Amino acid sequence: MASSTYIPLNNYLVFNIVDGLYTYTFEAERKENCSACSQVPQDLQFPPSAKLQEVLEYLTENASLQMKSPAITATLEGKNKTLYLQTIASIEERTRPNLCKTLKELGLSDGQELAVADVTTPQTVLFKLKLTFKGLVQS
């Protein structure tokens, strides 16, 4: 390293020293539509008749999301509204009736942004709601 004949560190270094020395470097790349580190809203397609419970199930069962206990909020009429929050008992009790309401009954419209917080992601994940009259859920 003192002679400058080394390959410069580009992004990330793994250094293991147990019974010897092993090290390598690699360039970590950012995926533009990564739900954990990108604030680009992902499309979320449901019919207006879908219940909030179906959206919650999609967020927890979808292989690419695998959320554990998502909290869903939206901005309605200029105000943030918590649609469902499971982790705080008093708020869960107040928002539980929303689970059996349709997206239309909740006042959600096509193009509406939903902010979803979950323990599986370091920051809130944004979704853009696409209301469709075709099949139930499309990814």
N, C-alpha and C. Protein backbone atom coordinates (compact mmCIF):
# COMPACT_ATOMS: atom_id res chain seq x y z
N MET A 1 0.83 -1.19 0.00
CA MET A 1 0.00 0.00 0.00
C MET A 1 0.86 1.25 0.00
N ALA A 2 2.00 1.18 0.65
CA ALA A 2 2.87 2.35 0.71
C ALA A 2 3.46 2.68 -0.66
N SER A 3 3.57 1.67 -1.53
CA SER A 3 4.15 1.92 -2.85
C SER A 3 3.11 2.28 -3.90
N SER A 4 1.84 2.35 -3.50
CA SER A 4 0.73 2.69 -4.41
C SER A 4 0.54 1.63 -5.49
N THR A 5 0.92 0.39 -5.25
CA THR A 5 0.73 -0.68 -6.23
C THR A 5 -0.51 -1.50 -5.91
N TYR A 6 -1.34 -1.03 -5.06
CA TYR A 6 -2.56 -1.74 -4.68
C TYR A 6 -3.74 -1.29 -5.53
N ILE A 7 -4.79 -2.07 -5.54
CA ILE A 7 -6.04 -1.68 -6.19
C ILE A 7 -6.80 -0.79 -5.21
N PRO A 8 -7.17 0.40 -5.61
CA PRO A 8 -7.85 1.29 -4.66
C PRO A 8 -9.22 0.74 -4.24
N LEU A 9 -9.55 0.98 -3.00
CA LEU A 9 -10.84 0.55 -2.46
C LEU A 9 -11.94 1.35 -3.13
N ASN A 10 -12.85 0.64 -3.78
CA ASN A 10 -13.91 1.33 -4.51
C ASN A 10 -15.12 1.61 -3.65
N ASN A 11 -15.56 0.63 -2.85
CA ASN A 11 -16.80 0.85 -2.15
C ASN A 11 -16.89 0.13 -0.81
N TYR A 12 -16.55 -1.12 -0.76
CA TYR A 12 -16.79 -1.91 0.44
C TYR A 12 -15.68 -2.92 0.64
N LEU A 13 -15.30 -3.14 1.89
CA LEU A 13 -14.23 -4.06 2.21
C LEU A 13 -14.73 -5.08 3.22
N VAL A 14 -14.44 -6.35 2.97
CA VAL A 14 -14.72 -7.41 3.92
C VAL A 14 -13.36 -7.87 4.44
N PHE A 15 -13.20 -7.87 5.75
CA PHE A 15 -11.91 -8.23 6.36
C PHE A 15 -12.18 -9.31 7.40
N ASN A 16 -11.66 -10.51 7.16
CA ASN A 16 -11.82 -11.63 8.09
C ASN A 16 -10.46 -12.03 8.61
N ILE A 17 -10.33 -12.12 9.92
CA ILE A 17 -9.08 -12.58 10.52
C ILE A 17 -9.42 -13.51 11.68
N VAL A 18 -9.31 -14.80 11.43
CA VAL A 18 -9.55 -15.79 12.47
C VAL A 18 -8.28 -16.64 12.60
N ASP A 19 -8.02 -17.47 11.61
CA ASP A 19 -6.82 -18.31 11.61
C ASP A 19 -5.86 -17.85 10.52
N GLY A 20 -6.04 -16.67 10.06
CA GLY A 20 -5.23 -16.14 8.98
C GLY A 20 -5.88 -14.85 8.54
N LEU A 21 -5.54 -14.41 7.36
CA LEU A 21 -6.09 -13.16 6.87
C LEU A 21 -6.76 -13.40 5.52
N TYR A 22 -7.99 -12.95 5.39
CA TYR A 22 -8.72 -13.06 4.13
C TYR A 22 -9.46 -11.75 3.93
N THR A 23 -9.30 -11.15 2.80
CA THR A 23 -9.97 -9.87 2.53
C THR A 23 -10.30 -9.77 1.05
N TYR A 24 -11.35 -9.06 0.76
CA TYR A 24 -11.70 -8.76 -0.63
C TYR A 24 -12.55 -7.50 -0.64
N THR A 25 -12.63 -6.88 -1.80
CA THR A 25 -13.46 -5.69 -1.96
C THR A 25 -14.46 -5.94 -3.07
N PHE A 26 -15.57 -5.24 -3.00
CA PHE A 26 -16.53 -5.28 -4.09
C PHE A 26 -17.29 -3.97 -4.11
N GLU A 27 -17.83 -3.68 -5.26
CA GLU A 27 -18.58 -2.44 -5.41
C GLU A 27 -20.06 -2.72 -5.18
N ALA A 28 -20.59 -2.17 -4.10
CA ALA A 28 -22.01 -2.32 -3.82
C ALA A 28 -22.78 -1.38 -4.75
N GLU A 29 -23.82 -1.90 -5.36
CA GLU A 29 -24.61 -1.09 -6.28
C GLU A 29 -25.99 -0.85 -5.69
N ARG A 30 -26.55 0.29 -5.99
CA ARG A 30 -27.87 0.64 -5.49
C ARG A 30 -28.92 0.33 -6.56
N LYS A 31 -29.93 -0.40 -6.17
CA LYS A 31 -31.04 -0.71 -7.06
C LYS A 31 -31.99 0.48 -7.03
N GLU A 32 -32.29 1.04 -8.19
CA GLU A 32 -33.09 2.27 -8.26
C GLU A 32 -34.46 2.14 -7.61
N ASN A 33 -35.09 0.97 -7.70
CA ASN A 33 -36.43 0.82 -7.14
C ASN A 33 -36.42 0.03 -5.83
N CYS A 34 -35.30 0.06 -5.12
CA CYS A 34 -35.19 -0.64 -3.84
C CYS A 34 -36.17 -0.04 -2.85
N SER A 35 -37.01 -0.89 -2.26
CA SER A 35 -38.01 -0.39 -1.33
C SER A 35 -37.41 0.07 -0.01
N ALA A 36 -36.21 -0.40 0.31
CA ALA A 36 -35.59 -0.03 1.58
C ALA A 36 -34.82 1.29 1.52
N CYS A 37 -34.23 1.61 0.38
CA CYS A 37 -33.38 2.80 0.35
C CYS A 37 -33.80 3.83 -0.71
N SER A 38 -34.88 3.60 -1.38
CA SER A 38 -35.33 4.53 -2.42
C SER A 38 -36.68 5.13 -2.03
N GLN A 39 -36.87 6.37 -2.31
CA GLN A 39 -38.15 7.02 -2.04
C GLN A 39 -39.00 7.13 -3.30
N VAL A 40 -38.69 6.32 -4.31
CA VAL A 40 -39.50 6.28 -5.52
C VAL A 40 -40.73 5.43 -5.21
N PRO A 41 -41.93 6.00 -5.33
CA PRO A 41 -43.13 5.22 -5.01
C PRO A 41 -43.29 4.01 -5.93
N GLN A 42 -43.63 2.89 -5.34
CA GLN A 42 -43.90 1.67 -6.09
C GLN A 42 -45.40 1.59 -6.35
N ASP A 43 -45.76 1.05 -7.51
CA ASP A 43 -47.17 0.91 -7.83
C ASP A 43 -47.80 -0.20 -6.99
N LEU A 44 -49.02 0.06 -6.56
CA LEU A 44 -49.79 -0.90 -5.78
C LEU A 44 -51.18 -0.92 -6.39
N GLN A 45 -51.55 -2.02 -7.06
CA GLN A 45 -52.80 -2.09 -7.81
C GLN A 45 -53.87 -2.91 -7.08
N PHE A 46 -55.00 -2.27 -6.88
CA PHE A 46 -56.16 -2.91 -6.25
C PHE A 46 -57.42 -2.30 -6.85
N PRO A 47 -58.51 -3.04 -6.83
CA PRO A 47 -59.79 -2.44 -7.22
C PRO A 47 -60.31 -1.55 -6.08
N PRO A 48 -61.14 -0.57 -6.37
CA PRO A 48 -61.68 0.30 -5.31
C PRO A 48 -62.47 -0.48 -4.26
N SER A 49 -62.97 -1.67 -4.63
CA SER A 49 -63.76 -2.48 -3.71
C SER A 49 -62.90 -3.33 -2.77
N ALA A 50 -61.58 -3.31 -2.95
CA ALA A 50 -60.69 -4.09 -2.08
C ALA A 50 -60.71 -3.49 -0.68
N LYS A 51 -60.64 -4.35 0.29
CA LYS A 51 -60.63 -3.91 1.69
C LYS A 51 -59.18 -3.64 2.12
N LEU A 52 -59.03 -2.78 3.12
CA LEU A 52 -57.70 -2.46 3.62
C LEU A 52 -57.00 -3.73 4.12
N GLN A 53 -57.75 -4.68 4.64
CA GLN A 53 -57.18 -5.95 5.09
C GLN A 53 -56.46 -6.66 3.95
N GLU A 54 -56.99 -6.59 2.73
CA GLU A 54 -56.36 -7.21 1.57
C GLU A 54 -55.03 -6.55 1.24
N VAL A 55 -54.98 -5.22 1.38
CA VAL A 55 -53.72 -4.50 1.14
C VAL A 55 -52.69 -4.93 2.18
N LEU A 56 -53.12 -5.01 3.42
CA LEU A 56 -52.23 -5.44 4.51
C LEU A 56 -51.69 -6.85 4.25
N GLU A 57 -52.55 -7.75 3.83
CA GLU A 57 -52.14 -9.12 3.52
C GLU A 57 -51.14 -9.14 2.37
N TYR A 58 -51.38 -8.32 1.35
CA TYR A 58 -50.45 -8.24 0.23
C TYR A 58 -49.07 -7.80 0.70
N LEU A 59 -49.02 -6.79 1.55
CA LEU A 59 -47.74 -6.27 2.04
C LEU A 59 -46.97 -7.30 2.85
N THR A 60 -47.68 -8.15 3.57
CA THR A 60 -47.01 -9.16 4.40
C THR A 60 -46.69 -10.44 3.64
N GLU A 61 -47.49 -10.77 2.64
CA GLU A 61 -47.31 -12.03 1.92
C GLU A 61 -46.52 -11.92 0.63
N ASN A 62 -46.37 -10.73 0.08
CA ASN A 62 -45.64 -10.54 -1.17
C ASN A 62 -44.16 -10.91 -0.96
N ALA A 63 -43.63 -11.74 -1.83
CA ALA A 63 -42.25 -12.24 -1.68
C ALA A 63 -41.20 -11.14 -1.71
N SER A 64 -41.45 -10.06 -2.46
CA SER A 64 -40.44 -9.00 -2.54
C SER A 64 -40.54 -8.01 -1.38
N LEU A 65 -41.64 -8.00 -0.65
CA LEU A 65 -41.81 -7.05 0.46
C LEU A 65 -41.63 -7.73 1.82
N GLN A 66 -42.34 -8.80 2.08
CA GLN A 66 -42.25 -9.59 3.30
C GLN A 66 -42.29 -8.73 4.58
N MET A 67 -43.24 -7.83 4.65
CA MET A 67 -43.37 -6.99 5.83
C MET A 67 -43.97 -7.80 6.99
N LYS A 68 -43.70 -7.36 8.20
CA LYS A 68 -44.18 -8.09 9.37
C LYS A 68 -45.44 -7.46 9.97
N SER A 69 -45.41 -6.17 10.23
CA SER A 69 -46.56 -5.48 10.81
C SER A 69 -46.62 -4.06 10.25
N PRO A 70 -47.00 -3.94 8.99
CA PRO A 70 -46.98 -2.63 8.34
C PRO A 70 -47.98 -1.65 8.93
N ALA A 71 -47.53 -0.41 9.05
CA ALA A 71 -48.39 0.70 9.45
C ALA A 71 -48.64 1.54 8.21
N ILE A 72 -49.91 1.77 7.89
CA ILE A 72 -50.27 2.44 6.64
C ILE A 72 -50.87 3.80 6.93
N THR A 73 -50.31 4.83 6.32
CA THR A 73 -50.85 6.18 6.43
C THR A 73 -51.02 6.77 5.04
N ALA A 74 -51.90 7.76 4.96
CA ALA A 74 -52.14 8.47 3.69
C ALA A 74 -52.46 9.91 4.01
N THR A 75 -52.28 10.77 3.03
CA THR A 75 -52.66 12.17 3.19
C THR A 75 -54.02 12.35 2.53
N LEU A 76 -55.01 12.66 3.35
CA LEU A 76 -56.38 12.86 2.87
C LEU A 76 -56.84 14.26 3.26
N GLU A 77 -57.29 15.02 2.28
CA GLU A 77 -57.75 16.39 2.49
C GLU A 77 -56.70 17.23 3.21
N GLY A 78 -55.44 17.03 2.82
CA GLY A 78 -54.34 17.82 3.37
C GLY A 78 -53.87 17.39 4.75
N LYS A 79 -54.40 16.32 5.30
CA LYS A 79 -54.01 15.86 6.63
C LYS A 79 -53.53 14.42 6.57
N ASN A 80 -52.50 14.11 7.36
CA ASN A 80 -52.05 12.73 7.45
C ASN A 80 -53.06 11.93 8.25
N LYS A 81 -53.46 10.79 7.71
CA LYS A 81 -54.42 9.93 8.37
C LYS A 81 -53.82 8.53 8.51
N THR A 82 -53.77 8.03 9.74
CA THR A 82 -53.31 6.68 9.97
C THR A 82 -54.45 5.74 9.63
N LEU A 83 -54.26 4.91 8.62
CA LEU A 83 -55.28 3.96 8.22
C LEU A 83 -55.23 2.70 9.08
N TYR A 84 -54.01 2.28 9.41
CA TYR A 84 -53.88 1.13 10.31
C TYR A 84 -52.48 1.12 10.90
N LEU A 85 -52.40 0.87 12.21
CA LEU A 85 -51.13 0.76 12.91
C LEU A 85 -51.27 -0.35 13.94
N GLN A 86 -50.50 -1.39 13.78
CA GLN A 86 -50.65 -2.58 14.61
C GLN A 86 -49.82 -2.56 15.88
N THR A 87 -48.70 -1.87 15.90
CA THR A 87 -47.73 -2.03 16.98
C THR A 87 -48.07 -1.29 18.27
N ILE A 88 -48.94 -0.30 18.23
CA ILE A 88 -49.35 0.41 19.45
C ILE A 88 -50.80 0.06 19.71
N ALA A 89 -51.05 -0.61 20.84
CA ALA A 89 -52.37 -1.19 21.12
C ALA A 89 -53.51 -0.19 21.03
N SER A 90 -53.36 0.98 21.60
CA SER A 90 -54.46 1.97 21.59
C SER A 90 -54.77 2.45 20.18
N ILE A 91 -53.74 2.63 19.36
CA ILE A 91 -53.96 3.08 17.97
C ILE A 91 -54.50 1.92 17.14
N GLU A 92 -54.01 0.72 17.39
CA GLU A 92 -54.52 -0.46 16.67
C GLU A 92 -56.01 -0.62 16.92
N GLU A 93 -56.44 -0.43 18.15
CA GLU A 93 -57.86 -0.55 18.50
C GLU A 93 -58.71 0.48 17.75
N ARG A 94 -58.19 1.71 17.63
CA ARG A 94 -58.94 2.77 16.93
C ARG A 94 -58.93 2.59 15.42
N THR A 95 -57.87 2.00 14.87
CA THR A 95 -57.78 1.86 13.41
C THR A 95 -58.25 0.49 12.91
N ARG A 96 -58.51 -0.44 13.79
CA ARG A 96 -58.96 -1.79 13.41
C ARG A 96 -60.22 -1.76 12.53
N PRO A 97 -61.23 -0.90 12.80
CA PRO A 97 -62.41 -0.88 11.93
C PRO A 97 -62.10 -0.56 10.47
N ASN A 98 -60.97 0.10 10.20
CA ASN A 98 -60.59 0.42 8.82
C ASN A 98 -60.25 -0.83 8.01
N LEU A 99 -59.87 -1.90 8.68
CA LEU A 99 -59.49 -3.13 7.97
C LEU A 99 -60.62 -3.70 7.13
N CYS A 100 -61.87 -3.54 7.57
CA CYS A 100 -62.99 -4.10 6.79
C CYS A 100 -63.63 -3.04 5.89
N LYS A 101 -63.06 -1.86 5.79
CA LYS A 101 -63.56 -0.84 4.87
C LYS A 101 -62.86 -0.98 3.52
N THR A 102 -63.60 -0.63 2.46
CA THR A 102 -63.00 -0.65 1.12
C THR A 102 -62.11 0.57 0.95
N LEU A 103 -61.25 0.51 -0.04
CA LEU A 103 -60.38 1.65 -0.33
C LEU A 103 -61.21 2.88 -0.66
N LYS A 104 -62.32 2.66 -1.36
CA LYS A 104 -63.20 3.77 -1.70
C LYS A 104 -63.83 4.37 -0.44
N GLU A 105 -64.28 3.51 0.47
CA GLU A 105 -64.88 3.99 1.73
C GLU A 105 -63.88 4.78 2.57
N LEU A 106 -62.60 4.44 2.45
CA LEU A 106 -61.56 5.16 3.20
C LEU A 106 -61.21 6.49 2.55
N GLY A 107 -61.76 6.75 1.38
CA GLY A 107 -61.50 8.02 0.69
C GLY A 107 -60.25 8.00 -0.16
N LEU A 108 -59.73 6.82 -0.44
CA LEU A 108 -58.52 6.72 -1.25
C LEU A 108 -58.88 6.77 -2.73
N SER A 109 -58.05 7.43 -3.50
CA SER A 109 -58.32 7.60 -4.92
C SER A 109 -57.14 7.12 -5.76
N ASP A 110 -57.37 7.02 -7.06
CA ASP A 110 -56.32 6.59 -7.98
C ASP A 110 -55.17 7.58 -7.92
N GLY A 111 -53.95 7.08 -7.78
CA GLY A 111 -52.77 7.93 -7.71
C GLY A 111 -52.41 8.35 -6.29
N GLN A 112 -53.23 7.99 -5.34
CA GLN A 112 -53.00 8.32 -3.93
C GLN A 112 -51.71 7.69 -3.45
N GLU A 113 -50.90 8.44 -2.70
CA GLU A 113 -49.69 7.86 -2.13
C GLU A 113 -49.98 7.30 -0.75
N LEU A 114 -49.50 6.09 -0.53
CA LEU A 114 -49.60 5.44 0.78
C LEU A 114 -48.19 5.32 1.34
N ALA A 115 -48.02 5.73 2.58
CA ALA A 115 -46.73 5.59 3.26
C ALA A 115 -46.84 4.39 4.20
N VAL A 116 -45.92 3.45 4.05
CA VAL A 116 -45.97 2.23 4.84
C VAL A 116 -44.66 2.09 5.62
N ALA A 117 -44.80 2.04 6.94
CA ALA A 117 -43.64 1.85 7.82
C ALA A 117 -43.68 0.43 8.36
N ASP A 118 -42.51 -0.18 8.46
CA ASP A 118 -42.43 -1.56 8.96
C ASP A 118 -41.04 -1.79 9.54
N VAL A 119 -40.94 -2.73 10.45
CA VAL A 119 -39.65 -3.05 11.07
C VAL A 119 -38.66 -3.64 10.07
N THR A 120 -39.13 -4.13 8.94
CA THR A 120 -38.25 -4.76 7.96
C THR A 120 -37.54 -3.76 7.06
N THR A 121 -37.90 -2.48 7.13
CA THR A 121 -37.27 -1.47 6.28
C THR A 121 -36.77 -0.31 7.14
N PRO A 122 -35.62 0.26 6.80
CA PRO A 122 -35.06 1.35 7.62
C PRO A 122 -35.84 2.66 7.51
N GLN A 123 -36.59 2.83 6.45
CA GLN A 123 -37.38 4.05 6.31
C GLN A 123 -38.73 3.72 5.70
N THR A 124 -39.62 4.68 5.73
CA THR A 124 -40.97 4.49 5.20
C THR A 124 -40.92 4.20 3.71
N VAL A 125 -41.72 3.24 3.28
CA VAL A 125 -41.80 2.87 1.87
C VAL A 125 -43.04 3.54 1.29
N LEU A 126 -42.87 4.18 0.14
CA LEU A 126 -43.98 4.87 -0.51
C LEU A 126 -44.57 4.00 -1.62
N PHE A 127 -45.88 3.99 -1.68
CA PHE A 127 -46.60 3.28 -2.73
C PHE A 127 -47.56 4.25 -3.39
N LYS A 128 -47.75 4.09 -4.69
CA LYS A 128 -48.74 4.87 -5.42
C LYS A 128 -49.88 3.92 -5.75
N LEU A 129 -51.06 4.24 -5.23
CA LEU A 129 -52.23 3.39 -5.41
C LEU A 129 -52.79 3.54 -6.82
N LYS A 130 -52.90 2.42 -7.50
CA LYS A 130 -53.49 2.38 -8.84
C LYS A 130 -54.79 1.60 -8.71
N LEU A 131 -55.91 2.31 -8.78
CA LEU A 131 -57.20 1.64 -8.69
C LEU A 131 -57.54 1.05 -10.04
N THR A 132 -57.88 -0.21 -10.03
CA THR A 132 -58.18 -0.93 -11.26
C THR A 132 -59.45 -1.73 -11.10
N PHE A 133 -60.13 -1.96 -12.18
CA PHE A 133 -61.36 -2.73 -12.13
C PHE A 133 -61.13 -4.15 -12.63
N LYS A 134 -59.86 -4.48 -12.96
CA LYS A 134 -59.52 -5.82 -13.40
C LYS A 134 -59.29 -6.70 -12.17
N GLY A 135 -58.47 -7.75 -12.31
CA GLY A 135 -58.20 -8.70 -11.24
C GLY A 135 -57.90 -8.05 -9.89
N LEU A 136 -57.89 -8.83 -8.87
CA LEU A 136 -57.77 -8.32 -7.50
C LEU A 136 -56.45 -7.63 -7.23
N VAL A 137 -55.33 -8.31 -7.39
CA VAL A 137 -54.03 -7.73 -7.09
C VAL A 137 -53.06 -8.06 -8.20
N GLN A 138 -52.30 -7.06 -8.61
CA GLN A 138 -51.24 -7.27 -9.58
C GLN A 138 -49.99 -6.61 -9.03
N SER A 139 -48.85 -7.22 -9.27
CA SER A 139 -47.62 -6.62 -8.76
C SER A 139 -46.86 -5.91 -9.85
